[in-house]
């Protein structure tokens, strides 16, 4: 046991003095890991509970849908369907707090999403556009996206995410040399760094993917729901309903046919 002089315990001339520790104490100290990829952690134990009542959306003079109720809880996948121009992307933007509804309000745990600052940290939004910079390499493009969205962007985390989407062999290729399906995989690799039960809002995530790409995305979705995460997505392609067990919302039922 190391005993401090009385003055050191109470201040005085010894205040701030650093005494050497015994060798056995130094040997028992476990150093912090170095150069390990950081994971995205969150103080929230569950995905946001997203709700809306009698939601309506207008684009210009046209009312796209009205009287829509939503309730998306933990470990749920909600698949938004409907004809072209029905407002599927508009609904996702409302849910992400990027647009204002014509009527009603989208709430996250009872707070309007446009005013819920903590909601942004628990949300992953991937739109129909991939938002990749053409002149960057695949690694650089994904690293940039992760930094912008305040997610782990260390090289180890980036490469692990690309491996999950089966893009490791293309990690040093320029984005401009990729096919549309490969570009979509790079954008979706953002999901592979997520380890907490957040809410994913995905606009046509299966677009341009081949069979292997669809399988990669299905595994990401299944794992996310398994840890209590939730998903709101659109897809004009059929989902693997046996694997994902989605709740379907058909916007055609909420269309204002007078518009």
Foldseek 3Di string as FASTA:
>chain_A
DDDDPPCCVVPDPCPPPDDDDDPVVVVPDDDDDPPDFDFQDDPDQAAWWKWKAQFWADDDPFTLFTGDIDTWFWLAEEEEAEDPPSQQLVVLCQQCLNDDTPDIAMDTNRHGNVPDPVLLSQEAEDAPDLPFDQAAFLLVRLLVVCVVSVGGRRSVLSLVLCVLQVNNVRRGPGNNPDDPQVSLSSSVSSLVRHDHQGEYEYEASCPPHDPSNLVSVLVSLLVSSVSTHYYYYYHPDDDPCVSSVHHYDYSVVGGDVVD
